[in-house]
Amino acid sequence: MITSAAVVDCDVHQGNGTASIFTADPDVLTFSMHGANNYPLFKPTSTIDIELPDATEDDDYLHALETNLHNVFEHKPDIVFYLAGADPFIGDRLGRLSVSIKGLRARDHIVLAACKENQTPVVTVMSGGYGEEVDQTIEIHCNTIRSACSLFPGTANTASTHTT
């Protein structure tokens, strides 16, 4: 039975939807790591908001994640919903951050490894991604899947894809 949940939103835009929906629900922790100067203009308060300055690069991005992610698991969620945004990428038209493909793959590994270490089931969804080169956005999303498959072997057959 799921009685508590966490949303780990690493899309470059603040998780305003989940922050608004769950603002009064103590059983849902919302974690948003996003560009401070990006959409939306008015940001509802998440449980944990990590605002990053424009042009934040790999080291600072990953340090912010590693410094704050443990707070998610202090909530003792029964499940984590991980939004793996491709838009913090340096080549993203809307992102304003400067994280490399390698940095985003490290981000995915950090989040997913923390779920595994804490024995917390995780639902991973792709989000964001407005790269100048579509191949780079695809690579970022594929790397999220690769990280999940390497950390949770044997689960690839249970993964589902939905296209519209």
Foldseek 3Di string as FASTA:
>chain_A
DFQAEEEAEEAQEFPQPVCVVCVPPLRYAYAYEHAPPAPDPDGRDGNHYHHDYFAAELVVSVVSCVVPVVVRCVSVGQEYEYELEPQLDLQAPRRRYHYHLVSSLVVLLVNLVVCVVSVHHYHYDYDHDRGPDVVSSVSSVVSSVVSNCVVPPPCPVVDDDDDD
